[in-house]
PDB file of N, CA and C in Angstrom:
ATOM      1  N   UNK A   1      76.640 -57.954 -20.891  1.00  0.00           N
ATOM      2  CA  UNK A   1      76.610 -58.292 -22.255  1.00  0.00           C
ATOM      3  C   UNK A   1      77.383 -57.562 -23.166  1.00  0.00           C
ATOM      4  N   UNK A   2      77.737 -56.279 -23.217  1.00  0.00           N
ATOM      5  CA  UNK A   2      78.956 -55.518 -23.842  1.00  0.00           C
ATOM      6  C   UNK A   2      80.180 -56.316 -23.652  1.00  0.00           C
ATOM      7  N   UNK A   3      80.497 -56.735 -22.471  1.00  0.00           N
ATOM      8  CA  UNK A   3      81.741 -57.109 -22.248  1.00  0.00           C
ATOM      9  C   UNK A   3      82.080 -58.282 -22.929  1.00  0.00           C
ATOM     10  N   UNK A   4      81.021 -59.234 -23.122  1.00  0.00           N
ATOM     11  CA  UNK A   4      81.215 -60.420 -23.959  1.00  0.00           C
ATOM     12  C   UNK A   4      81.300 -60.146 -25.427  1.00  0.00           C
ATOM     13  N   UNK A   5      80.699 -58.975 -25.739  1.00  0.00           N
ATOM     14  CA  UNK A   5      80.756 -58.583 -27.321  1.00  0.00           C
ATOM     15  C   UNK A   5      82.197 -58.011 -27.789  1.00  0.00           C
ATOM     16  N   UNK A   6      83.036 -57.312 -26.890  1.00  0.00           N
ATOM     17  CA  UNK A   6      83.827 -56.514 -27.090  1.00  0.00           C
ATOM     18  C   UNK A   6      84.942 -57.632 -27.728  1.00  0.00           C
ATOM     19  N   UNK A   7      85.297 -58.768 -27.186  1.00  0.00           N
ATOM     20  CA  UNK A   7      86.286 -59.483 -28.120  1.00  0.00           C
ATOM     21  C   UNK A   7      85.842 -60.092 -29.332  1.00  0.00           C
ATOM     22  N   UNK A   8      84.772 -60.060 -29.739  1.00  0.00           N
ATOM     23  CA  UNK A   8      84.270 -60.285 -31.089  1.00  0.00           C
ATOM     24  C   UNK A   8      84.361 -59.367 -32.088  1.00  0.00           C
ATOM     25  N   UNK A   9      84.121 -58.090 -31.462  1.00  0.00           N
ATOM     26  CA  UNK A   9      84.327 -56.625 -32.198  1.00  0.00           C
ATOM     27  C   UNK A   9      86.083 -56.778 -32.394  1.00  0.00           C
ATOM     28  N   UNK A  10      86.840 -56.721 -31.498  1.00  0.00           N
ATOM     29  CA  UNK A  10      88.326 -56.876 -31.554  1.00  0.00           C
ATOM     30  C   UNK A  10      88.746 -58.065 -32.531  1.00  0.00           C
ATOM     31  N   UNK A  11      88.012 -58.877 -32.583  1.00  0.00           N
ATOM     32  CA  UNK A  11      88.614 -60.003 -33.410  1.00  0.00           C
ATOM     33  C   UNK A  11      88.327 -59.880 -34.966  1.00  0.00           C
ATOM     34  N   UNK A  12      87.192 -59.248 -35.171  1.00  0.00           N
ATOM     35  CA  UNK A  12      86.583 -58.663 -36.578  1.00  0.00           C
ATOM     36  C   UNK A  12      87.566 -57.436 -36.828  1.00  0.00           C
ATOM     37  N   UNK A  13      88.171 -56.783 -35.967  1.00  0.00           N
ATOM     38  CA  UNK A  13      89.072 -55.965 -36.475  1.00  0.00           C
ATOM     39  C   UNK A  13      90.501 -56.288 -36.930  1.00  0.00           C
ATOM     40  N   UNK A  14      90.828 -57.413 -36.182  1.00  0.00           N
ATOM     41  CA  UNK A  14      91.860 -58.048 -36.455  1.00  0.00           C
ATOM     42  C   UNK A  14      91.998 -58.858 -37.906  1.00  0.00           C
ATOM     43  N   UNK A  15      90.868 -59.426 -38.072  1.00  0.00           N
ATOM     44  CA  UNK A  15      90.735 -60.229 -39.292  1.00  0.00           C
ATOM     45  C   UNK A  15      90.506 -59.208 -40.428  1.00  0.00           C
ATOM     46  N   UNK A  16      89.764 -57.970 -40.391  1.00  0.00           N
ATOM     47  CA  UNK A  16      89.691 -57.117 -41.415  1.00  0.00           C
ATOM     48  C   UNK A  16      90.818 -56.270 -41.721  1.00  0.00           C
ATOM     49  N   UNK A  17      91.766 -56.070 -40.329  1.00  0.00           N
ATOM     50  CA  UNK A  17      93.027 -55.266 -40.312  1.00  0.00           C
ATOM     51  C   UNK A  17      93.955 -56.215 -41.523  1.00  0.00           C
ATOM     52  N   UNK A  18      93.841 -57.613 -41.034  1.00  0.00           N
ATOM     53  CA  UNK A  18      94.900 -58.605 -41.964  1.00  0.00           C
ATOM     54  C   UNK A  18      94.518 -58.244 -43.385  1.00  0.00           C
ATOM     55  N   UNK A  19      92.964 -58.509 -43.747  1.00  0.00           N
ATOM     56  CA  UNK A  19      92.632 -58.435 -45.081  1.00  0.00           C
ATOM     57  C   UNK A  19      93.173 -57.100 -45.481  1.00  0.00           C
ATOM     58  N   UNK A  20      92.901 -55.958 -45.053  1.00  0.00           N
ATOM     59  CA  UNK A  20      93.289 -54.760 -45.665  1.00  0.00           C
ATOM     60  C   UNK A  20      94.718 -54.394 -45.857  1.00  0.00           C
ATOM     61  N   UNK A  21      95.603 -55.037 -44.771  1.00  0.00           N
ATOM     62  CA  UNK A  21      96.974 -54.751 -45.050  1.00  0.00           C
ATOM     63  C   UNK A  21      97.500 -55.565 -46.141  1.00  0.00           C
ATOM     64  N   UNK A  22      97.284 -57.078 -46.335  1.00  0.00           N
ATOM     65  CA  UNK A  22      97.882 -57.942 -47.177  1.00  0.00           C
ATOM     66  C   UNK A  22      97.148 -57.984 -48.469  1.00  0.00           C
ATOM     67  N   UNK A  23      95.896 -57.733 -48.526  1.00  0.00           N
ATOM     68  CA  UNK A  23      95.102 -57.899 -49.817  1.00  0.00           C
ATOM     69  C   UNK A  23      94.005 -56.511 -49.787  1.00  0.00           C
ATOM     70  N   UNK A  24      94.784 -55.367 -50.071  1.00  0.00           N
ATOM     71  CA  UNK A  24      94.033 -54.186 -49.812  1.00  0.00           C
ATOM     72  C   UNK A  24      93.007 -53.982 -51.057  1.00  0.00           C
ATOM     73  N   UNK A  25      93.371 -54.341 -52.322  1.00  0.00           N
ATOM     74  CA  UNK A  25      92.265 -54.441 -53.512  1.00  0.00           C
ATOM     75  C   UNK A  25      91.103 -55.407 -53.159  1.00  0.00           C
ATOM     76  N   UNK A  26      91.495 -56.358 -52.784  1.00  0.00           N
ATOM     77  CA  UNK A  26      90.254 -57.365 -52.340  1.00  0.00           C
ATOM     78  C   UNK A  26      89.488 -56.856 -51.239  1.00  0.00           C
ATOM     79  N   UNK A  27      89.769 -56.178 -50.435  1.00  0.00           N
ATOM     80  CA  UNK A  27      89.235 -55.376 -49.013  1.00  0.00           C
ATOM     81  C   UNK A  27      88.316 -54.157 -49.684  1.00  0.00           C
ATOM     82  N   UNK A  28      88.959 -53.452 -50.711  1.00  0.00           N
ATOM     83  CA  UNK A  28      88.154 -52.288 -51.267  1.00  0.00           C
ATOM     84  C   UNK A  28      87.091 -52.893 -52.113  1.00  0.00           C
ATOM     85  N   UNK A  29      87.222 -54.119 -52.842  1.00  0.00           N
ATOM     86  CA  UNK A  29      86.363 -54.652 -53.397  1.00  0.00           C
ATOM     87  C   UNK A  29      84.980 -55.159 -52.762  1.00  0.00           C
ATOM     88  N   UNK A  30      85.451 -55.796 -51.448  1.00  0.00           N
ATOM     89  CA  UNK A  30      84.514 -56.293 -50.640  1.00  0.00           C
ATOM     90  C   UNK A  30      83.818 -55.285 -49.877  1.00  0.00           C
ATOM     91  N   UNK A  31      84.180 -54.166 -49.494  1.00  0.00           N
ATOM     92  CA  UNK A  31      83.657 -53.060 -48.949  1.00  0.00           C
ATOM     93  C   UNK A  31      82.832 -52.353 -50.020  1.00  0.00           C
ATOM     94  N   UNK A  32      83.332 -52.363 -51.237  1.00  0.00           N
ATOM     95  CA  UNK A  32      82.255 -51.712 -52.237  1.00  0.00           C
ATOM     96  C   UNK A  32      81.250 -52.477 -52.516  1.00  0.00           C
ATOM     97  N   UNK A  33      81.382 -53.936 -52.503  1.00  0.00           N
ATOM     98  CA  UNK A  33      80.317 -54.727 -52.601  1.00  0.00           C
ATOM     99  C   UNK A  33      79.289 -54.679 -51.693  1.00  0.00           C
ATOM    100  N   UNK A  34      79.572 -54.272 -50.515  1.00  0.00           N
ATOM    101  CA  UNK A  34      78.621 -54.084 -49.303  1.00  0.00           C
ATOM    102  C   UNK A  34      78.269 -52.591 -49.266  1.00  0.00           C
ATOM    103  N   UNK A  35      79.081 -51.409 -49.430  1.00  0.00           N
ATOM    104  CA  UNK A  35      78.579 -50.256 -49.365  1.00  0.00           C
ATOM    105  C   UNK A  35      77.768 -49.674 -50.565  1.00  0.00           C
ATOM    106  N   UNK A  36      78.186 -50.042 -51.619  1.00  0.00           N
ATOM    107  CA  UNK A  36      77.519 -49.650 -53.169  1.00  0.00           C
ATOM    108  C   UNK A  36      76.581 -50.547 -53.430  1.00  0.00           C
ATOM    109  N   UNK A  37      75.910 -51.226 -52.530  1.00  0.00           N
ATOM    110  CA  UNK A  37      74.758 -52.048 -53.130  1.00  0.00           C
ATOM    111  C   UNK A  37      73.519 -51.888 -53.965  1.00  0.00           C
ATOM    112  N   UNK A  38      73.191 -50.397 -53.692  1.00  0.00           N
ATOM    113  CA  UNK A  38      72.033 -49.942 -54.527  1.00  0.00           C
ATOM    114  C   UNK A  38      72.382 -49.524 -55.988  1.00  0.00           C
ATOM    115  N   UNK A  39      73.673 -49.144 -56.101  1.00  0.00           N
ATOM    116  CA  UNK A  39      74.446 -48.610 -57.218  1.00  0.00           C
ATOM    117  C   UNK A  39      74.593 -49.784 -58.359  1.00  0.00           C
ATOM    118  N   UNK A  40      74.498 -49.171 -59.497  1.00  0.00           N
ATOM    119  CA  UNK A  40      74.941 -50.153 -60.854  1.00  0.00           C
ATOM    120  C   UNK A  40      76.605 -50.352 -60.960  1.00  0.00           C
ATOM    121  N   UNK A  41      76.768 -51.306 -61.421  1.00  0.00           N
ATOM    122  CA  UNK A  41      78.178 -51.549 -61.774  1.00  0.00           C
ATOM    123  C   UNK A  41      79.091 -51.220 -60.607  1.00  0.00           C
ATOM    124  N   UNK A  42      79.035 -51.528 -59.524  1.00  0.00           N
ATOM    125  CA  UNK A  42      80.117 -51.150 -58.414  1.00  0.00           C
ATOM    126  C   UNK A  42      81.658 -51.683 -58.600  1.00  0.00           C
ATOM    127  N   UNK A  43      81.233 -52.903 -59.408  1.00  0.00           N
ATOM    128  CA  UNK A  43      82.489 -53.737 -59.511  1.00  0.00           C
ATOM    129  C   UNK A  43      83.398 -53.079 -60.536  1.00  0.00           C
ATOM    130  N   UNK A  44      82.945 -52.122 -61.415  1.00  0.00           N
ATOM    131  CA  UNK A  44      83.563 -51.480 -62.495  1.00  0.00           C
ATOM    132  C   UNK A  44      84.384 -50.154 -61.953  1.00  0.00           C
ATOM    133  N   UNK A  45      84.387 -49.965 -60.571  1.00  0.00           N
ATOM    134  CA  UNK A  45      85.063 -49.038 -60.160  1.00  0.00           C
ATOM    135  C   UNK A  45      86.577 -49.427 -59.892  1.00  0.00           C
ATOM    136  N   UNK A  46      87.517 -48.792 -60.472  1.00  0.00           N
ATOM    137  CA  UNK A  46      88.935 -49.266 -60.084  1.00  0.00           C
ATOM    138  C   UNK A  46      89.632 -48.184 -59.106  1.00  0.00           C
ATOM    139  N   UNK A  47      90.102 -48.424 -57.886  1.00  0.00           N
ATOM    140  CA  UNK A  47      90.765 -47.705 -56.892  1.00  0.00           C
ATOM    141  C   UNK A  47      91.848 -47.291 -57.491  1.00  0.00           C
ATOM    142  N   UNK A  48      92.155 -45.810 -56.988  1.00  0.00           N
ATOM    143  CA  UNK A  48      93.478 -45.234 -57.345  1.00  0.00           C
ATOM    144  C   UNK A  48      94.587 -45.579 -56.269  1.00  0.00           C
ATOM    145  N   UNK A  49      95.810 -45.608 -56.852  1.00  0.00           N
ATOM    146  CA  UNK A  49      97.039 -46.123 -55.955  1.00  0.00           C
ATOM    147  C   UNK A  49      96.922 -45.539 -54.425  1.00  0.00           C
ATOM    148  N   UNK A  50      96.712 -44.416 -54.480  1.00  0.00           N
ATOM    149  CA  UNK A  50      96.740 -43.386 -53.067  1.00  0.00           C
ATOM    150  C   UNK A  50      95.963 -44.297 -52.028  1.00  0.00           C
ATOM    151  N   UNK A  51      94.537 -44.462 -52.773  1.00  0.00           N
ATOM    152  CA  UNK A  51      93.381 -45.064 -51.861  1.00  0.00           C
ATOM    153  C   UNK A  51      93.742 -46.719 -51.590  1.00  0.00           C
ATOM    154  N   UNK A  52      94.217 -47.391 -52.469  1.00  0.00           N
ATOM    155  CA  UNK A  52      94.966 -48.455 -51.615  1.00  0.00           C
ATOM    156  C   UNK A  52      96.183 -48.500 -50.745  1.00  0.00           C
ATOM    157  N   UNK A  53      97.015 -47.625 -50.961  1.00  0.00           N
ATOM    158  CA  UNK A  53      97.793 -47.487 -49.820  1.00  0.00           C
ATOM    159  C   UNK A  53      97.009 -47.266 -48.574  1.00  0.00           C
ATOM    160  N   UNK A  54      96.386 -45.873 -48.622  1.00  0.00           N
ATOM    161  CA  UNK A  54      95.550 -45.555 -47.467  1.00  0.00           C
ATOM    162  C   UNK A  54      94.546 -46.634 -46.698  1.00  0.00           C
ATOM    163  N   UNK A  55      94.073 -47.464 -47.709  1.00  0.00           N
ATOM    164  CA  UNK A  55      93.655 -48.777 -47.358  1.00  0.00           C
ATOM    165  C   UNK A  55      94.737 -49.405 -46.558  1.00  0.00           C
ATOM    166  N   UNK A  56      95.651 -49.825 -46.981  1.00  0.00           N
ATOM    167  CA  UNK A  56      96.507 -50.805 -46.306  1.00  0.00           C
ATOM    168  C   UNK A  56      96.801 -50.160 -44.774  1.00  0.00           C
ATOM    169  N   UNK A  57      97.268 -48.889 -44.878  1.00  0.00           N
ATOM    170  CA  UNK A  57      97.527 -48.044 -43.526  1.00  0.00           C
ATOM    171  C   UNK A  57      96.588 -48.087 -42.793  1.00  0.00           C
ATOM    172  N   UNK A  58      95.127 -47.985 -43.005  1.00  0.00           N
ATOM    173  CA  UNK A  58      94.052 -47.967 -42.124  1.00  0.00           C
ATOM    174  C   UNK A  58      94.077 -49.420 -41.455  1.00  0.00           C
ATOM    175  N   UNK A  59      94.277 -50.474 -42.401  1.00  0.00           N
ATOM    176  CA  UNK A  59      94.292 -51.636 -42.081  1.00  0.00           C
ATOM    177  C   UNK A  59      95.177 -52.161 -40.719  1.00  0.00           C
ATOM    178  N   UNK A  60      96.517 -51.685 -41.154  1.00  0.00           N
ATOM    179  CA  UNK A  60      97.501 -51.858 -39.991  1.00  0.00           C
ATOM    180  C   UNK A  60      97.027 -51.178 -38.745  1.00  0.00           C
ATOM    181  N   UNK A  61      96.434 -50.034 -38.631  1.00  0.00           N
ATOM    182  CA  UNK A  61      95.894 -49.416 -37.322  1.00  0.00           C
ATOM    183  C   UNK A  61      94.602 -50.113 -36.974  1.00  0.00           C
ATOM    184  N   UNK A  62      93.694 -50.827 -37.854  1.00  0.00           N
ATOM    185  CA  UNK A  62      92.832 -51.690 -37.179  1.00  0.00           C
ATOM    186  C   UNK A  62      93.355 -53.216 -36.767  1.00  0.00           C
ATOM    187  N   UNK A  63      94.348 -53.539 -37.360  1.00  0.00           N
ATOM    188  CA  UNK A  63      95.035 -54.832 -36.688  1.00  0.00           C
ATOM    189  C   UNK A  63      95.568 -54.554 -35.494  1.00  0.00           C
ATOM    190  N   UNK A  64      96.335 -53.386 -35.240  1.00  0.00           N
ATOM    191  CA  UNK A  64      97.005 -52.713 -34.023  1.00  0.00           C
ATOM    192  C   UNK A  64      95.985 -52.674 -32.996  1.00  0.00           C
ATOM    193  N   UNK A  65      94.831 -52.029 -33.310  1.00  0.00           N
ATOM    194  CA  UNK A  65      93.601 -52.185 -32.189  1.00  0.00           C
ATOM    195  C   UNK A  65      93.206 -53.084 -32.065  1.00  0.00           C
ATOM    196  N   UNK A  66      92.796 -54.056 -32.780  1.00  0.00           N
ATOM    197  CA  UNK A  66      92.421 -55.318 -32.417  1.00  0.00           C
ATOM    198  C   UNK A  66      92.844 -55.993 -31.452  1.00  0.00           C
ATOM    199  N   UNK A  67      94.190 -56.238 -32.124  1.00  0.00           N
ATOM    200  CA  UNK A  67      95.313 -57.078 -31.061  1.00  0.00           C
ATOM    201  C   UNK A  67      95.342 -56.535 -29.568  1.00  0.00           C
ATOM    202  N   UNK A  68      95.882 -55.085 -29.756  1.00  0.00           N
ATOM    203  CA  UNK A  68      95.938 -54.086 -28.196  1.00  0.00           C
ATOM    204  C   UNK A  68      94.518 -54.635 -27.518  1.00  0.00           C
ATOM    205  N   UNK A  69      93.219 -54.622 -28.225  1.00  0.00           N
ATOM    206  CA  UNK A  69      92.018 -54.602 -27.489  1.00  0.00           C
ATOM    207  C   UNK A  69      91.822 -56.112 -26.889  1.00  0.00           C
ATOM    208  N   UNK A  70      92.106 -56.941 -27.663  1.00  0.00           N
ATOM    209  CA  UNK A  70      92.177 -58.617 -27.310  1.00  0.00           C
ATOM    210  C   UNK A  70      93.045 -58.792 -26.060  1.00  0.00           C
ATOM    211  N   UNK A  71      94.234 -58.165 -26.221  1.00  0.00           N
ATOM    212  CA  UNK A  71      95.563 -58.333 -25.204  1.00  0.00           C
ATOM    213  C   UNK A  71      94.922 -57.752 -23.832  1.00  0.00           C
ATOM    214  N   UNK A  72      94.472 -56.399 -23.930  1.00  0.00           N
ATOM    215  CA  UNK A  72      94.050 -55.580 -22.858  1.00  0.00           C
ATOM    216  C   UNK A  72      92.741 -56.447 -22.182  1.00  0.00           C
ATOM    217  N   UNK A  73      91.665 -57.182 -23.048  1.00  0.00           N
ATOM    218  CA  UNK A  73      90.762 -57.563 -22.255  1.00  0.00           C
ATOM    219  C   UNK A  73      91.204 -59.061 -21.719  1.00  0.00           C
ATOM    220  N   UNK A  74      92.318 -59.690 -22.141  1.00  0.00           N
ATOM    221  CA  UNK A  74      92.919 -60.869 -21.408  1.00  0.00           C
ATOM    222  C   UNK A  74      93.461 -60.325 -20.086  1.00  0.00           C
ATOM    223  N   UNK A  75      94.293 -59.352 -20.356  1.00  0.00           N
ATOM    224  CA  UNK A  75      94.996 -58.785 -19.076  1.00  0.00           C
ATOM    225  C   UNK A  75      94.013 -58.589 -17.891  1.00  0.00           C
ATOM    226  N   UNK A  76      92.786 -57.638 -18.289  1.00  0.00           N
ATOM    227  CA  UNK A  76      91.880 -57.413 -17.115  1.00  0.00           C
ATOM    228  C   UNK A  76      91.319 -58.694 -16.687  1.00  0.00           C
ATOM    229  N   UNK A  77      90.785 -59.706 -17.347  1.00  0.00           N
ATOM    230  CA  UNK A  77      90.388 -60.804 -16.678  1.00  0.00           C
ATOM    231  C   UNK A  77      91.519 -61.551 -16.055  1.00  0.00           C
ATOM    232  N   UNK A  78      92.819 -61.673 -16.342  1.00  0.00           N
ATOM    233  CA  UNK A  78      93.648 -62.279 -15.430  1.00  0.00           C
ATOM    234  C   UNK A  78      93.906 -61.499 -14.253  1.00  0.00           C
ATOM    235  N   UNK A  79      93.843 -60.207 -14.218  1.00  0.00           N
ATOM    236  CA  UNK A  79      94.039 -59.195 -12.994  1.00  0.00           C
ATOM    237  C   UNK A  79      92.577 -59.691 -11.962  1.00  0.00           C
ATOM    238  N   UNK A  80      91.736 -59.912 -12.627  1.00  0.00           N
ATOM    239  CA  UNK A  80      90.362 -60.191 -11.883  1.00  0.00           C
ATOM    240  C   UNK A  80      90.445 -61.353 -11.440  1.00  0.00           C
ATOM    241  N   UNK A  81      91.120 -62.484 -11.958  1.00  0.00           N
ATOM    242  CA  UNK A  81      91.279 -63.631 -11.429  1.00  0.00           C
ATOM    243  C   UNK A  81      92.085 -63.866 -10.241  1.00  0.00           C
ATOM    244  N   UNK A  82      93.178 -63.062 -10.059  1.00  0.00           N
ATOM    245  CA  UNK A  82      94.206 -62.936  -9.345  1.00  0.00           C
ATOM    246  C   UNK A  82      93.610 -62.351  -8.018  1.00  0.00           C
ATOM    247  N   UNK A  83      92.893 -61.150  -8.313  1.00  0.00           N
ATOM    248  CA  UNK A  83      92.151 -60.666  -7.190  1.00  0.00           C
ATOM    249  C   UNK A  83      91.224 -61.446  -6.330  1.00  0.00           C
ATOM    250  N   UNK A  84      90.637 -62.132  -7.302  1.00  0.00           N
ATOM    251  CA  UNK A  84      89.448 -63.191  -6.706  1.00  0.00           C
ATOM    252  C   UNK A  84      90.177 -64.384  -5.559  1.00  0.00           C
ATOM    253  N   UNK A  85      91.632 -64.734  -6.244  1.00  0.00           N
ATOM    254  CA  UNK A  85      92.434 -65.734  -5.610  1.00  0.00           C
ATOM    255  C   UNK A  85      92.938 -65.194  -4.461  1.00  0.00           C
ATOM    256  N   UNK A  86      93.634 -63.813  -4.333  1.00  0.00           N
ATOM    257  CA  UNK A  86      94.114 -63.514  -3.421  1.00  0.00           C
ATOM    258  C   UNK A  86      93.462 -62.633  -2.217  1.00  0.00           C
ATOM    259  N   UNK A  87      92.302 -62.998  -2.346  1.00  0.00           N
ATOM    260  CA  UNK A  87      91.157 -62.246  -1.231  1.00  0.00           C
ATOM    261  C   UNK A  87      91.695 -62.858   0.082  1.00  0.00           C
ATOM    262  N   UNK A  88      91.919 -61.900   1.221  1.00  0.00           N
ATOM    263  CA  UNK A  88      92.352 -62.478   2.368  1.00  0.00           C
ATOM    264  C   UNK A  88      91.142 -62.670   3.105  1.00  0.00           C
ATOM    265  N   UNK A  89      90.884 -63.694   3.986  1.00  0.00           N
ATOM    266  CA  UNK A  89      89.689 -63.776   4.980  1.00  0.00           C
ATOM    267  C   UNK A  89      89.929 -62.429   6.101  1.00  0.00           C
ATOM    268  N   UNK A  90      89.012 -62.092   6.376  1.00  0.00           N
ATOM    269  CA  UNK A  90      88.825 -61.256   7.679  1.00  0.00           C
ATOM    270  C   UNK A  90      89.723 -61.704   8.836  1.00  0.00           C
ATOM    271  N   UNK A  91      90.857 -60.967   9.015  1.00  0.00           N
ATOM    272  CA  UNK A  91      91.602 -61.581  10.412  1.00  0.00           C
ATOM    273  C   UNK A  91      91.163 -61.028  11.593  1.00  0.00           C
ATOM    274  N   UNK A  92      90.090 -60.124  11.663  1.00  0.00           N
ATOM    275  CA  UNK A  92      89.465 -59.536  12.848  1.00  0.00           C
ATOM    276  C   UNK A  92      88.616 -60.641  13.596  1.00  0.00           C
ATOM    277  N   UNK A  93      89.072 -60.814  14.983  1.00  0.00           N
ATOM    278  CA  UNK A  93      88.317 -62.043  15.889  1.00  0.00           C
ATOM    279  C   UNK A  93      87.406 -61.119  16.990  1.00  0.00           C
ATOM    280  N   UNK A  94      86.502 -61.636  17.546  1.00  0.00           N
ATOM    281  CA  UNK A  94      85.650 -61.072  18.522  1.00  0.00           C
ATOM    282  C   UNK A  94      86.351 -61.646  19.777  1.00  0.00           C
ATOM    283  N   UNK A  95      87.173 -62.544  19.917  1.00  0.00           N
ATOM    284  CA  UNK A  95      87.691 -62.950  21.189  1.00  0.00           C
ATOM    285  C   UNK A  95      88.990 -61.933  21.814  1.00  0.00           C
ATOM    286  N   UNK A  96      89.252 -61.166  21.396  1.00  0.00           N
ATOM    287  CA  UNK A  96      90.196 -60.467  21.798  1.00  0.00           C
ATOM    288  C   UNK A  96      89.488 -58.811  21.959  1.00  0.00           C
ATOM    289  N   UNK A  97      89.835 -58.540  23.036  1.00  0.00           N
ATOM    290  CA  UNK A  97      89.272 -57.140  23.513  1.00  0.00           C
ATOM    291  C   UNK A  97      89.951 -55.870  22.531  1.00  0.00           C
ATOM    292  N   UNK A  98      89.155 -54.861  22.402  1.00  0.00           N
ATOM    293  CA  UNK A  98      90.027 -53.691  21.317  1.00  0.00           C
ATOM    294  C   UNK A  98      90.553 -52.642  22.675  1.00  0.00           C
ATOM    295  N   UNK A  99      91.544 -52.286  22.380  1.00  0.00           N
ATOM    296  CA  UNK A  99      92.025 -51.418  23.239  1.00  0.00           C
ATOM    297  C   UNK A  99      92.180 -49.979  22.811  1.00  0.00           C
ATOM    298  N   UNK A 100      91.591 -48.953  23.289  1.00  0.00           N
ATOM    299  CA  UNK A 100      91.404 -47.733  22.695  1.00  0.00           C
ATOM    300  C   UNK A 100      92.491 -46.758  23.520  1.00  0.00           C
ATOM    301  N   UNK A 101      93.302 -45.766  22.721  1.00  0.00           N
ATOM    302  CA  UNK A 101      94.276 -44.940  23.205  1.00  0.00           C
ATOM    303  C   UNK A 101      93.390 -43.779  23.397  1.00  0.00           C
ATOM    304  N   UNK A 102      92.932 -42.941  24.550  1.00  0.00           N
ATOM    305  CA  UNK A 102      92.409 -41.883  24.551  1.00  0.00           C
ATOM    306  C   UNK A 102      93.376 -40.705  25.281  1.00  0.00           C
TER     307      UNK A 102
END
């Protein structure tokens, strides 16, 4: 079950990372609306410039992590498919006697 949800989480990180890298103020406002739901006037808050830069940098980290996770998952699936395809049949036969050196 978790293996099926991992790509969804990585894709969410890519989307959120892209939003944070290219539109950091909008990402901050979106997060503010979600996180500050119980407070009055969260839309009136204005982020400082250092916070916008740190949001952009953390978005870059999320973007790299999400892409890496998606690629690693794809590579793992490809390796599993190759292992399944290259399994060799058992070559031992019961027709030949086995010689033991003692």
